[in-house]
Protein backbone atom coordinates (compact mmCIF):
# COMPACT_ATOMS: atom_id res chain seq x y z
CA UNK A 1 31.39 27.82 4.50
CA UNK A 2 34.29 27.74 6.75
CA UNK A 3 35.18 24.13 7.91
CA UNK A 4 33.01 22.97 11.22
CA UNK A 5 34.81 20.75 13.90
CA UNK A 6 33.38 17.07 13.97
CA UNK A 7 31.60 17.58 17.70
CA UNK A 8 29.69 20.65 16.24
CA UNK A 9 28.72 18.89 13.14
CA UNK A 10 27.46 16.11 14.78
CA UNK A 11 24.99 18.64 17.15
CA UNK A 12 23.96 21.23 14.17
CA UNK A 13 20.66 21.61 13.84
CA UNK A 14 18.78 22.12 10.80
CA UNK A 15 18.80 25.80 10.52
CA UNK A 16 22.62 26.37 12.21
CA UNK A 17 24.64 26.65 9.46
CA UNK A 18 24.85 28.54 5.99
CA UNK A 19 22.80 27.20 3.10
CA UNK A 20 24.21 25.01 0.87
CA UNK A 21 25.66 26.41 -2.33
CA UNK A 22 23.04 25.85 -5.32
CA UNK A 23 25.02 24.18 -8.71
CA UNK A 24 25.53 26.25 -11.50
CA UNK A 25 23.27 26.54 -14.63
CA UNK A 26 24.76 23.55 -16.61
CA UNK A 27 24.53 21.22 -13.83
CA UNK A 28 20.98 22.05 -13.31
CA UNK A 29 20.44 21.65 -17.10
CA UNK A 30 22.32 18.46 -16.92
CA UNK A 31 20.26 16.88 -13.84
CA UNK A 32 17.23 18.22 -15.44
CA UNK A 33 17.74 16.42 -18.41
CA UNK A 34 18.06 13.27 -16.44
CA UNK A 35 15.08 13.61 -14.69
CA UNK A 36 13.07 14.39 -18.28
CA UNK A 37 14.58 10.88 -18.97
CA UNK A 38 13.12 9.63 -16.12
CA UNK A 39 9.68 11.22 -16.42
CA UNK A 40 9.77 9.78 -20.10
CA UNK A 41 10.24 6.37 -19.14
CA UNK A 42 7.93 7.00 -16.34
CA UNK A 43 4.96 8.01 -18.69
CA UNK A 44 6.33 5.68 -21.65
CA UNK A 45 5.04 5.55 -24.38
CA UNK A 46 3.50 8.84 -24.44
CA UNK A 47 6.33 10.61 -25.29
CA UNK A 48 5.97 8.67 -29.06
CA UNK A 49 2.04 9.64 -29.55
CA UNK A 50 2.17 13.11 -28.07
CA UNK A 51 -0.77 14.20 -30.48
CA UNK A 52 -2.52 10.77 -30.52
CA UNK A 53 -3.23 10.14 -26.63
CA UNK A 54 -3.57 12.08 -23.32
CA UNK A 55 -2.33 11.18 -19.85
CA UNK A 56 -4.83 10.07 -17.70
CA UNK A 57 -7.72 7.64 -17.37
CA UNK A 58 -10.71 8.32 -19.80
CA UNK A 59 -13.32 7.85 -17.37
CA UNK A 60 -11.99 10.99 -15.21
CA UNK A 61 -10.83 14.63 -15.28
CA UNK A 62 -8.45 14.32 -18.18
CA UNK A 63 -10.88 15.70 -20.91
CA UNK A 64 -11.99 19.30 -19.21
CA UNK A 65 -8.16 19.58 -17.72
CA UNK A 66 -6.81 19.12 -21.10
CA UNK A 67 -9.68 21.38 -22.63
CA UNK A 68 -8.18 24.27 -20.46
CA UNK A 69 -4.96 24.12 -21.83
CA UNK A 70 -6.18 25.08 -25.39
CA UNK A 71 -9.02 27.40 -24.22
CA UNK A 72 -6.62 29.51 -22.05
CA UNK A 73 -4.44 29.92 -25.54
CA UNK A 74 -6.99 30.80 -27.56
CA UNK A 75 -8.04 33.53 -25.20
CA UNK A 76 -4.71 34.95 -24.82
CA UNK A 77 -4.35 34.83 -28.25
CA UNK A 78 -7.68 36.70 -28.67
CA UNK A 79 -5.90 39.28 -26.52
CA UNK A 80 -8.46 38.40 -23.52
CA UNK A 81 -7.77 36.63 -20.08
CA UNK A 82 -9.23 33.46 -19.58
CA UNK A 83 -11.84 34.03 -17.68
CA UNK A 84 -15.24 34.27 -19.34
CA UNK A 85 -15.96 32.33 -22.06
CA UNK A 86 -18.86 31.99 -24.49
CA UNK A 87 -17.24 28.09 -25.96
CA UNK A 88 -19.27 26.16 -22.39
CA UNK A 89 -22.30 26.61 -21.09
CA UNK A 90 -24.53 27.72 -24.29
CA UNK A 91 -25.63 29.77 -25.61
CA UNK A 92 -25.12 32.12 -22.61
CA UNK A 93 -21.86 31.43 -21.30
CA UNK A 94 -20.39 32.24 -18.21
CA UNK A 95 -17.35 32.69 -15.78
CA UNK A 96 -14.88 30.01 -15.42
CA UNK A 97 -11.58 29.87 -13.79
CA UNK A 98 -10.12 26.72 -15.26
CA UNK A 99 -8.82 24.23 -12.35
CA UNK A 100 -4.79 24.29 -13.78
CA UNK A 101 -4.52 27.93 -14.82
CA UNK A 102 -1.13 28.31 -13.67
CA UNK A 103 0.05 25.44 -16.02
CA UNK A 104 -1.88 26.53 -18.78
CA UNK A 105 -0.93 30.30 -18.75
CA UNK A 106 2.74 29.24 -18.60
CA UNK A 107 2.37 26.87 -21.47
CA UNK A 108 0.07 28.89 -23.49
CA UNK A 109 3.15 29.47 -26.42
CA UNK A 110 3.54 25.97 -26.47
CA UNK A 111 -0.11 25.40 -26.94
CA UNK A 112 -0.47 27.91 -29.53
CA UNK A 113 2.78 25.93 -31.30
CA UNK A 114 1.71 22.29 -31.19
CA UNK A 115 -1.91 22.47 -29.74
CA UNK A 116 -3.44 21.24 -25.96
CA UNK A 117 -3.24 17.65 -26.29
CA UNK A 118 0.69 17.62 -26.92
CA UNK A 119 1.60 20.53 -24.53
CA UNK A 120 -0.68 18.78 -21.87
CA UNK A 121 1.26 15.71 -22.38
CA UNK A 122 4.65 17.62 -21.95
CA UNK A 123 3.56 19.69 -19.21
CA UNK A 124 2.84 16.57 -16.87
CA UNK A 125 6.11 14.94 -18.21
CA UNK A 126 7.70 18.46 -17.28
CA UNK A 127 6.03 18.30 -13.79
CA UNK A 128 7.27 14.72 -12.93
CA UNK A 129 10.81 15.75 -13.75
CA UNK A 130 11.11 19.17 -11.92
CA UNK A 131 9.70 17.27 -8.80
CA UNK A 132 12.68 14.99 -8.76
CA UNK A 133 15.09 17.94 -9.35
CA UNK A 134 13.23 20.02 -6.92
CA UNK A 135 13.40 17.32 -4.03
CA UNK A 136 17.00 16.29 -4.85
CA UNK A 137 18.02 20.16 -4.33
CA UNK A 138 16.06 19.92 -1.15
CA UNK A 139 17.65 17.00 0.01
CA UNK A 140 20.79 18.12 -0.70
CA UNK A 141 20.16 21.57 1.10
CA UNK A 142 19.23 18.98 4.54
CA UNK A 143 22.52 17.19 4.02
CA UNK A 144 24.53 20.15 4.15
CA UNK A 145 26.68 20.95 7.02
CA UNK A 146 27.44 17.44 8.25
CA UNK A 147 29.67 14.66 7.84
CA UNK A 148 27.35 13.11 5.01
CA UNK A 149 28.40 16.46 2.96
CA UNK A 150 30.80 14.22 1.33
CA UNK A 151 30.12 15.13 -2.26
CA UNK A 152 29.31 11.22 -3.50
CA UNK A 153 27.04 10.34 -0.67
CA UNK A 154 25.16 13.65 -0.65
CA UNK A 155 24.46 13.20 -4.74
CA UNK A 156 23.41 9.74 -3.84
CA UNK A 157 20.83 11.04 -1.15
CA UNK A 158 19.48 14.14 -3.30
CA UNK A 159 19.02 11.56 -6.22
CA UNK A 160 17.17 9.13 -3.82
CA UNK A 161 14.87 11.71 -2.79
CA UNK A 162 13.99 12.69 -6.26
CA UNK A 163 13.54 9.21 -7.43
CA UNK A 164 11.16 8.51 -4.21
CA UNK A 165 9.22 11.93 -4.73
CA UNK A 166 8.71 11.54 -8.39
CA UNK A 167 7.37 8.04 -8.16
CA UNK A 168 5.38 8.60 -5.25
CA UNK A 169 1.85 6.33 -5.78
CA UNK A 170 0.02 9.90 -4.77
CA UNK A 171 1.44 11.35 -8.11
CA UNK A 172 1.06 8.65 -10.02
CA UNK A 173 -2.76 8.32 -9.16
CA UNK A 174 -3.12 11.87 -9.85
CA UNK A 175 -1.82 11.49 -13.61
CA UNK A 176 -3.82 8.60 -14.17
CA UNK A 177 -6.98 10.92 -12.70
CA UNK A 178 -6.09 13.74 -15.25
CA UNK A 179 -5.75 16.32 -12.40
CA UNK A 180 -3.05 18.28 -13.82
CA UNK A 181 -3.02 20.76 -10.96
CA UNK A 182 -2.42 18.59 -8.50
CA UNK A 183 0.69 17.00 -10.20
CA UNK A 184 2.21 20.14 -8.93
CA UNK A 185 4.65 18.76 -6.52
CA UNK A 186 7.19 20.75 -7.72
CA UNK A 187 6.25 24.06 -6.71
CA UNK A 188 5.78 22.42 -2.92
CA UNK A 189 9.51 21.36 -2.58
CA UNK A 190 10.71 24.60 -4.29
CA UNK A 191 9.20 26.56 -1.79
CA UNK A 192 10.22 24.82 0.98
CA UNK A 193 13.68 24.92 -0.31
CA UNK A 194 13.74 28.53 -0.54
CA UNK A 195 11.98 28.54 2.64
CA UNK A 196 14.99 26.37 4.52
CA UNK A 197 17.55 28.36 2.66
CA UNK A 198 16.02 31.67 3.86
CA UNK A 199 15.97 30.47 7.69
CA UNK A 200 19.79 29.67 7.26
CA UNK A 201 20.44 32.95 6.24
CA UNK A 202 20.33 35.28 3.76
CA UNK A 203 18.42 38.84 3.16
CA UNK A 204 15.66 40.53 1.55
CA UNK A 205 15.96 38.79 -1.65
CA UNK A 206 16.10 35.40 -0.24
CA UNK A 207 12.38 35.97 1.46
CA UNK A 208 11.25 37.41 -1.43
CA UNK A 209 11.81 34.37 -3.20
CA UNK A 210 9.87 32.58 -0.71
CA UNK A 211 6.84 34.74 -1.09
CA UNK A 212 7.10 34.49 -5.05
CA UNK A 213 7.23 30.57 -4.56
CA UNK A 214 4.69 30.59 -2.13
CA UNK A 215 2.49 32.83 -4.47
CA UNK A 216 3.10 30.29 -7.39
CA UNK A 217 2.29 27.37 -5.39
CA UNK A 218 -1.13 28.71 -3.99
CA UNK A 219 -2.06 30.25 -7.83
CA UNK A 220 -1.33 25.88 -9.07
CA UNK A 221 -3.47 25.09 -6.55
CA UNK A 222 -5.10 26.32 -3.16
CA UNK A 223 -4.50 23.18 -1.60
CA UNK A 224 -0.70 23.19 -2.05
CA UNK A 225 -0.82 26.98 -1.15
CA UNK A 226 -2.20 26.37 1.98
CA UNK A 227 -0.03 23.22 2.67
CA UNK A 228 3.37 25.13 2.18
CA UNK A 229 2.03 28.10 4.00
CA UNK A 230 1.55 26.06 7.26
CA UNK A 231 4.74 24.09 6.82
CA UNK A 232 6.85 27.44 6.12
CA UNK A 233 5.25 28.87 9.05
CA UNK A 234 6.04 25.88 11.24
CA UNK A 235 9.80 26.28 10.12
CA UNK A 236 9.63 29.79 10.87
CA UNK A 237 8.07 29.57 14.18
CA UNK A 238 10.78 27.07 15.25
CA UNK A 239 13.43 28.93 13.92
CA UNK A 240 11.86 32.38 15.64
CA UNK A 241 12.11 30.65 18.78
CA UNK A 242 15.79 30.00 18.93
CA UNK A 243 16.17 33.92 17.74
CA UNK A 244 14.05 35.11 20.39
CA UNK A 245 16.11 33.38 22.96
CA UNK A 246 18.78 35.23 21.50
CA UNK A 247 17.47 38.28 21.16
CA UNK A 248 17.82 38.24 17.25
CA UNK A 249 14.29 37.84 16.08
CA UNK A 250 13.54 41.42 15.30
CA UNK A 251 15.38 41.45 11.44
CA UNK A 252 13.68 38.08 10.68
CA UNK A 253 10.30 39.57 11.39
CA UNK A 254 10.29 42.07 8.78
CA UNK A 255 11.66 39.53 6.15
CA UNK A 256 9.23 37.30 7.01
CA UNK A 257 6.41 40.11 6.79
CA UNK A 258 8.23 40.87 3.32
CA UNK A 259 7.59 37.39 2.43
CA UNK A 260 3.89 37.22 3.13
CA UNK A 261 3.65 40.39 1.32
CA UNK A 262 4.90 39.61 -1.91
CA UNK A 263 2.66 36.33 -2.07
CA UNK A 264 -0.27 38.16 -0.99
CA UNK A 265 0.24 40.70 -3.77
CA UNK A 266 0.74 38.04 -6.49
CA UNK A 267 -1.85 35.65 -5.28
CA UNK A 268 -4.30 37.63 -4.10
CA UNK A 269 -5.53 39.00 -7.55
CA UNK A 270 -5.89 35.45 -8.62
CA UNK A 271 -7.72 34.12 -5.47
CA UNK A 272 -10.28 36.57 -5.77
CA UNK A 273 -10.78 35.90 -9.03
CA UNK A 274 -10.96 32.22 -8.39
CA UNK A 275 -13.58 33.08 -5.37
CA UNK A 276 -15.61 35.22 -7.69
CA UNK A 277 -15.83 32.69 -10.58
CA UNK A 278 -18.46 30.56 -8.13
CA UNK A 279 -20.65 33.53 -7.86
CA UNK A 280 -23.77 34.37 -9.55
CA UNK A 281 -26.13 33.03 -12.08
CA UNK A 282 -23.28 33.18 -15.05
CA UNK A 283 -20.72 30.83 -12.74
CA UNK A 284 -20.17 27.82 -15.01
CA UNK A 285 -18.89 25.47 -11.94
CA UNK A 286 -20.94 25.42 -8.63
CA UNK A 287 -18.93 25.42 -5.59
CA UNK A 288 -21.58 25.06 -2.75
CA UNK A 289 -20.12 26.18 0.83
CA UNK A 290 -21.98 23.78 2.72
CA UNK A 291 -20.13 20.54 2.64
CA UNK A 292 -22.91 17.52 2.57
CA UNK A 293 -22.07 14.58 4.58
CA UNK A 294 -21.77 12.19 1.52
CA UNK A 295 -19.05 14.42 0.12
CA UNK A 296 -17.13 14.35 3.55
CA UNK A 297 -17.27 10.44 3.04
CA UNK A 298 -16.39 10.25 -0.36
CA UNK A 299 -13.20 12.37 0.80
CA UNK A 300 -12.62 10.50 3.67
CA UNK A 301 -9.44 9.26 4.81
CA UNK A 302 -8.00 6.02 6.52
CA UNK A 303 -5.44 6.55 8.23
CA UNK A 304 -3.87 2.87 7.08
CA UNK A 305 -3.96 4.53 3.57
CA UNK A 306 -0.43 5.50 4.64
CA UNK A 307 1.33 2.13 5.38
CA UNK A 308 -0.77 -0.29 4.24
CA UNK A 309 0.71 -2.06 0.86
CA UNK A 310 -1.60 -3.25 -1.86
CA UNK A 311 -4.97 -2.36 -3.30
CA UNK A 312 -6.05 -0.72 -0.10
CA UNK A 313 -7.88 2.83 -0.62
CA UNK A 314 -9.62 4.46 2.19
CA UNK A 315 -12.95 5.13 0.04
CA UNK A 316 -13.66 2.76 -2.78
CA UNK A 317 -15.21 5.10 -5.93
CA UNK A 318 -16.30 2.83 -7.67
CA UNK A 319 -19.59 2.68 -4.97
CA UNK A 320 -20.08 6.35 -6.23
CA UNK A 321 -19.77 5.17 -9.85
CA UNK A 322 -16.60 6.87 -10.36
CA UNK A 323 -12.86 5.98 -11.56
CA UNK A 324 -10.81 8.08 -9.36
CA UNK A 325 -7.66 6.55 -7.51
CA UNK A 326 -6.63 8.05 -4.42
CA UNK A 327 -3.60 7.21 -1.86
CA UNK A 328 -1.07 8.19 0.40
CA UNK A 329 1.07 5.46 0.62
CA UNK A 330 4.20 6.24 1.89
CA UNK A 331 6.13 3.04 1.25
CA UNK A 332 7.93 0.96 3.50
CA UNK A 333 11.34 1.34 1.48
CA UNK A 334 11.27 5.34 1.87
CA UNK A 335 9.70 5.16 5.59
CA UNK A 336 12.90 2.62 6.70
CA UNK A 337 15.46 5.32 4.84
CA UNK A 338 13.91 7.67 6.63
CA UNK A 339 14.15 6.70 10.30
CA UNK A 340 17.76 5.82 9.41
CA UNK A 341 17.96 9.83 8.99
CA UNK A 342 16.54 10.21 11.86
CA UNK A 343 18.80 7.79 13.85
CA UNK A 344 21.80 8.79 12.68
CA UNK A 345 21.47 12.59 11.88
CA UNK A 346 20.48 15.11 14.44
CA UNK A 347 18.75 18.10 14.00
CA UNK A 348 16.17 16.46 11.49
CA UNK A 349 13.17 16.39 14.17
CA UNK A 350 11.80 19.44 13.57
CA UNK A 351 11.52 18.61 9.58
CA UNK A 352 9.84 15.26 10.73
CA UNK A 353 7.49 17.11 13.14
CA UNK A 354 6.41 19.36 10.34
CA UNK A 355 6.08 16.30 7.93
CA UNK A 356 4.04 14.89 10.86
CA UNK A 357 1.54 17.77 11.01
CA UNK A 358 0.78 17.40 7.17
CA UNK A 359 0.25 13.66 7.84
CA UNK A 360 -2.28 14.42 10.43
CA UNK A 361 -4.01 16.88 8.29
CA UNK A 362 -4.08 14.73 5.57
CA UNK A 363 -6.65 12.56 7.73
CA UNK A 364 -9.91 14.77 6.81
CA UNK A 365 -12.50 16.03 8.88
CA UNK A 366 -13.15 13.39 10.82
CA UNK A 367 -11.61 9.73 12.14
CA UNK A 368 -12.56 7.10 9.40
CA UNK A 369 -11.06 3.61 9.78
CA UNK A 370 -11.70 0.73 7.68
CA UNK A 371 -14.84 1.85 6.41
CA UNK A 372 -16.28 3.29 9.42
CA UNK A 373 -16.76 6.55 11.30
CA UNK A 374 -15.46 6.81 14.65
CA UNK A 375 -17.67 8.40 17.08
CA UNK A 376 -17.73 8.90 20.84
CA UNK A 377 -21.12 9.27 22.21
CA UNK A 378 -22.62 8.81 18.52
CA UNK A 379 -20.92 12.30 17.60
CA UNK A 380 -17.64 11.71 15.04
CA UNK A 381 -14.66 12.21 16.55
CA UNK A 382 -13.18 15.45 14.87
CA UNK A 383 -9.49 15.91 13.41
CA UNK A 384 -7.31 19.14 13.07
CA UNK A 385 -8.37 19.63 9.51
CA UNK A 386 -12.31 20.09 10.97
CA UNK A 387 -10.22 23.11 12.93
CA UNK A 388 -8.57 24.18 9.44
CA UNK A 389 -12.03 24.01 7.88
CA UNK A 390 -13.39 26.24 10.57
CA UNK A 391 -10.88 28.72 10.45
CA UNK A 392 -11.53 29.20 6.30
CA UNK A 393 -15.13 28.75 6.12
CA UNK A 394 -15.49 29.83 2.62
CA UNK A 395 -13.39 28.08 0.86
CA UNK A 396 -14.72 24.83 0.99
CA UNK A 397 -11.61 22.46 1.20
CA UNK A 398 -12.83 19.30 0.43
CA UNK A 399 -9.58 17.04 -0.47
CA UNK A 400 -7.50 16.39 2.86
CA UNK A 401 -5.10 13.88 1.44
CA UNK A 402 -4.09 16.36 -0.77
CA UNK A 403 -2.53 18.41 2.48
CA UNK A 404 -0.55 15.06 3.27
CA UNK A 405 1.44 15.53 0.25
CA UNK A 406 3.81 17.77 2.64
CA UNK A 407 4.45 14.00 4.36
CA UNK A 408 5.18 12.47 1.29
CA UNK A 409 8.12 15.25 0.29
CA UNK A 410 9.48 15.16 4.06
CA UNK A 411 9.35 11.51 3.73
CA UNK A 412 11.16 11.24 0.33
CA UNK A 413 13.68 13.83 1.48
CA UNK A 414 14.57 11.96 4.88
CA UNK A 415 14.94 8.77 2.59
CA UNK A 416 17.70 10.59 0.69
CA UNK A 417 19.37 11.86 3.87
CA UNK A 418 19.40 8.08 5.47
CA UNK A 419 20.85 6.90 2.06
CA UNK A 420 23.64 9.38 2.45
CA UNK A 421 24.44 8.37 5.87
CA UNK A 422 24.70 4.62 5.00
CA UNK A 423 27.14 5.21 2.26
CA UNK A 424 29.14 8.11 3.66
CA UNK A 425 31.70 6.04 5.14
CA UNK A 426 32.12 3.59 1.94
CA UNK A 427 31.69 6.69 -0.78
CA UNK A 428 33.23 4.20 -3.37
CA UNK A 429 29.67 2.38 -3.05
CA UNK A 430 27.81 5.34 -3.40
CA UNK A 431 26.48 4.25 -7.22
CA UNK A 432 26.03 0.86 -6.43
CA UNK A 433 23.76 1.60 -2.87
CA UNK A 434 21.74 4.44 -4.88
CA UNK A 435 21.17 1.55 -7.69
CA UNK A 436 19.57 -0.61 -5.26
CA UNK A 437 17.99 1.46 -2.95
CA UNK A 438 16.87 3.22 -5.69
CA UNK A 439 15.65 0.40 -7.75
CA UNK A 440 13.58 -0.52 -4.21
CA UNK A 441 11.93 2.68 -4.00
CA UNK A 442 10.56 3.02 -7.48
CA UNK A 443 9.79 -0.60 -7.97
CA UNK A 444 7.47 -0.14 -4.70
CA UNK A 445 5.92 3.01 -6.35
CA UNK A 446 5.09 1.42 -8.94
CA UNK A 447 3.59 -1.94 -7.64
CA UNK A 448 3.21 -1.57 -4.25
CA UNK A 449 -0.34 0.02 -4.11
CA UNK A 450 -3.18 0.93 -5.99
CA UNK A 451 -1.76 3.41 -7.81
CA UNK A 452 -1.77 2.42 -11.48
CA UNK A 453 1.32 1.80 -13.91
CA UNK A 454 1.82 2.01 -16.78
CA UNK A 455 -0.35 4.93 -16.81
CA UNK A 456 -3.72 4.62 -18.67
CA UNK A 457 -4.22 6.78 -21.41
CA UNK A 458 -7.07 8.05 -23.57
CA UNK A 459 -7.35 8.72 -27.34
CA UNK A 460 -6.78 12.07 -28.07
CA UNK A 461 -7.95 11.86 -31.77
CA UNK A 462 -10.79 14.17 -32.82
CA UNK A 463 -13.42 12.84 -35.41
CA UNK A 464 -13.32 14.82 -39.01
CA UNK A 465 -17.28 15.40 -38.73
CA UNK A 466 -16.60 18.40 -36.65
CA UNK A 467 -15.03 20.14 -39.63
CA UNK A 468 -17.33 22.41 -41.90
CA UNK A 469 -20.22 23.24 -39.57
CA UNK A 470 -21.90 26.41 -39.33
CA UNK A 471 -20.77 28.84 -36.14
CA UNK A 472 -23.69 27.42 -34.00
CA UNK A 473 -23.50 25.67 -30.95
CA UNK A 474 -23.03 21.91 -31.64
CA UNK A 475 -25.17 19.26 -29.26
CA UNK A 476 -22.99 15.80 -28.43
CA UNK A 477 -25.02 13.24 -26.68
CA UNK A 478 -25.19 11.33 -24.94
CA UNK A 479 -24.56 13.30 -21.68
CA UNK A 480 -24.01 11.02 -19.05
CA UNK A 481 -21.85 7.77 -18.63
CA UNK A 482 -23.00 6.56 -15.21
CA UNK A 483 -20.88 8.35 -12.50
CA UNK A 484 -17.88 8.88 -14.76
CA UNK A 485 -16.39 11.68 -16.80
CA UNK A 486 -16.36 9.99 -19.89
CA UNK A 487 -18.46 12.31 -21.60
CA UNK A 488 -16.53 15.46 -20.74
CA UNK A 489 -14.92 14.37 -24.17
CA UNK A 490 -17.38 16.60 -25.26
CA UNK A 491 -15.19 19.38 -24.30
CA UNK A 492 -12.03 17.94 -25.96
CA UNK A 493 -13.69 17.67 -29.04
CA UNK A 494 -14.60 21.37 -28.86
CA UNK A 495 -10.71 22.07 -28.93
CA UNK A 496 -10.73 21.16 -32.61
CA UNK A 497 -14.38 22.59 -33.84
CA UNK A 498 -14.17 25.84 -31.83
CA UNK A 499 -18.18 25.73 -31.44
CA UNK A 500 -20.32 26.59 -28.18
CA UNK A 501 -21.47 23.61 -26.63
CA UNK A 502 -24.27 23.41 -23.62
CA UNK A 503 -22.12 21.68 -20.99
CA UNK A 504 -19.97 22.93 -17.76
CA UNK A 505 -16.85 21.21 -17.66
CA UNK A 506 -18.42 18.70 -14.98
CA UNK A 507 -20.66 17.41 -18.15
CA UNK A 508 -24.00 16.34 -16.44
CA UNK A 509 -27.38 16.56 -17.41
CA UNK A 510 -28.85 18.51 -15.00
CA UNK A 511 -25.80 20.98 -14.80
CA UNK A 512 -26.42 21.99 -19.04
CA UNK A 513 -27.30 25.49 -19.50
CA UNK A 514 -29.52 25.03 -22.20
CA UNK A 515 -33.00 23.78 -19.93
CA UNK A 516 -35.32 23.94 -23.10
CA UNK A 517 -33.57 21.20 -24.68
CA UNK A 518 -32.57 18.88 -21.33
CA UNK A 519 -35.77 19.16 -19.72
CA UNK A 520 -37.29 16.87 -22.25
CA UNK A 521 -34.41 14.65 -22.06
CA UNK A 522 -34.49 14.47 -17.87
CA UNK A 523 -36.41 12.11 -15.70
CA UNK A 524 -37.99 13.58 -12.72
CA UNK A 525 -35.04 12.74 -10.76
CA UNK A 526 -32.70 14.57 -13.09
CA UNK A 527 -31.45 11.48 -14.66
CA UNK A 528 -30.84 11.16 -18.47
CA UNK A 529 -33.71 9.61 -19.93
CA UNK A 530 -34.07 10.30 -23.78
CA UNK A 531 -37.86 8.74 -24.23
CA UNK A 532 -39.49 11.13 -26.56
CA UNK A 533 -38.65 14.60 -28.21
CA UNK A 534 -41.61 17.20 -28.09
CA UNK A 535 -42.34 19.26 -31.49
CA UNK A 536 -41.21 22.25 -29.64
CA UNK A 537 -38.07 20.94 -28.00
CA UNK A 538 -37.01 19.90 -31.76
CA UNK A 539 -37.61 23.07 -33.52
CA UNK A 540 -35.56 24.71 -30.47
CA UNK A 541 -32.74 22.04 -31.36
CA UNK A 542 -33.04 23.03 -35.27
CA UNK A 543 -33.08 26.71 -34.28
CA UNK A 544 -30.01 26.62 -31.69
CA UNK A 545 -27.56 23.97 -32.92
CA UNK A 546 -25.59 23.17 -36.07
CA UNK A 547 -25.52 19.56 -35.67
CA UNK A 548 -26.43 16.60 -33.29
CA UNK A 549 -23.88 14.00 -33.03
CA UNK A 550 -24.93 11.03 -31.29
CA UNK A 551 -21.93 9.12 -29.77
CA UNK A 552 -23.18 5.52 -29.80
CA UNK A 553 -20.00 3.97 -28.26
CA UNK A 554 -21.11 6.20 -24.99
CA UNK A 555 -24.63 5.31 -25.49
CA UNK A 556 -23.48 1.38 -25.10
CA UNK A 557 -21.16 2.38 -21.68
CA UNK A 558 -24.15 4.18 -20.73
CA UNK A 559 -26.53 1.37 -20.98
CA UNK A 560 -29.48 3.84 -21.41
CA UNK A 561 -31.92 4.09 -24.11
CA UNK A 562 -30.93 5.34 -27.52
CA UNK A 563 -31.36 8.72 -28.85
CA UNK A 564 -31.62 7.75 -32.93
CA UNK A 565 -35.20 6.40 -32.35
CA UNK A 566 -36.50 10.17 -30.76
CA UNK A 567 -34.05 11.87 -33.42
CA UNK A 568 -35.02 10.45 -36.41
CA UNK A 569 -38.67 11.54 -36.68
CA UNK A 570 -37.60 15.08 -36.54
CA UNK A 571 -34.05 15.34 -38.10
CA UNK A 572 -34.50 12.52 -40.82
CA UNK A 573 -31.73 9.58 -41.05
CA UNK A 574 -28.32 10.26 -39.66
CA UNK A 575 -24.58 10.00 -41.11
CA UNK A 576 -23.20 6.93 -40.03
CA UNK A 577 -19.72 7.48 -39.03
CA UNK A 578 -18.06 4.78 -37.31
CA UNK A 579 -19.63 4.82 -33.90
CA UNK A 580 -21.02 8.61 -34.62
CA UNK A 581 -24.64 9.51 -35.74
CA UNK A 582 -24.54 13.02 -37.15
CA UNK A 583 -27.51 15.10 -37.87
CA UNK A 584 -26.53 18.42 -39.93
CA UNK A 585 -29.03 21.03 -39.22
CA UNK A 586 -29.36 23.45 -41.69
CA UNK A 587 -30.52 26.86 -41.04
């Protein structure tokens, strides 16, 4: 790119200069290795126990997400697409679109080689690393074309942005929750990087790449696909307005159209399959289109969550009997450096505005502050997310805080620009300033909010009692442990024994697919209540299942009546294997 006069540099807008040259493959590999080291340290000591633990709290979603990696690899190995399974919802089975389908598909060869547990952990570690690399590249792109293009300050700014993004409290909470697809922060950053580069100049190839990355982001999780579509759309509109005034808008129209076409072509089949997986009596996951007021309150977002440090949460999930952690805390260290960027480097106002839109969308359906819904005339105050839901009525988007990830990315990249601006006059101090600022940013990410660190881990060991059973389904009990997801480890155990089970990914007694058994174990209010076992139910269990396995540790946590007294009269004395009671049912 030819040198620009300093006056022109000072007033250069975000899209008035050429795109920065991307680093070569060797540089990218070295950088990625560095980010992998950071990810290993962030998740320590998981790398030493890849086959012994799973990243995530055992009370939440880690089990069914890790199970999905094993099922997808198994289905592909059998020559079928992972959309229908007989492993869950026994005896009939049903349709299932696993939440982290993209991750499981891309990692299937690794799963076949080392198993679903190590693969699940390695994918999450890899996502942390690639998120850091993608944010670094995006920040360097924003820094190109100004006085802070000076190499040392630009590198320092890029690394700071990556550190901030890869250690965000939002990501740490989702790692704890075990919701692996929501940890795909890298796709968002890569798609927006491609968009910025395409807007700065380039032909059809760059725009096709935008569409392809947008499709992958959408397949990873629809929330992020929607988010990047909104953010990229706003950036395109801003640039289009400038070109329209110049009379140069027409070429851009067909290029943007190309990106949209590529995205729809690649992501469309997955979205159709995703939507169809909730329809019909054989759907294993229910997704009601009518969103209840309880669910909206469950996912309500308090604006203080963005700026209040400490243990503050919008909604205390313990009141729902759950252990999920959610935060959108932006960190004052990041915001302060971002403010420096906006003061000292012109042309970033549009980028900040796009982040502001994501911030507002992340507030959800209605105004919610300090545990209360704000009303006017007895009616909740609607927010833009309500309009978004009205435009997309059949998608049942219920987690608005995920859309605020766009604000996280913008804040982190602006923080990198801010650091670069601070050190550009003293390049020799770039490393020292990076170590100091990066340390503060990462420390606030790890300890400044409700996000947990060290990250919680779940025991991935699978008992040997599951070996040597006949091909019939296995009945693991109890079904529920309060409002937690801990009993979903029944799915994880299946990755070893391979027998069908009557449960769906969200293990609840009223969602099981064997009513003849579970109606006898359920009270009138659809709660698990093992008080008796009628003779016809005992005969049905004997005919249907190869084994009944009671997990006494889960019974103790559930604080419910025990299964042993109602099972022994019909099946005899069980094998006692640690915390397991095992009845092997011969044909």
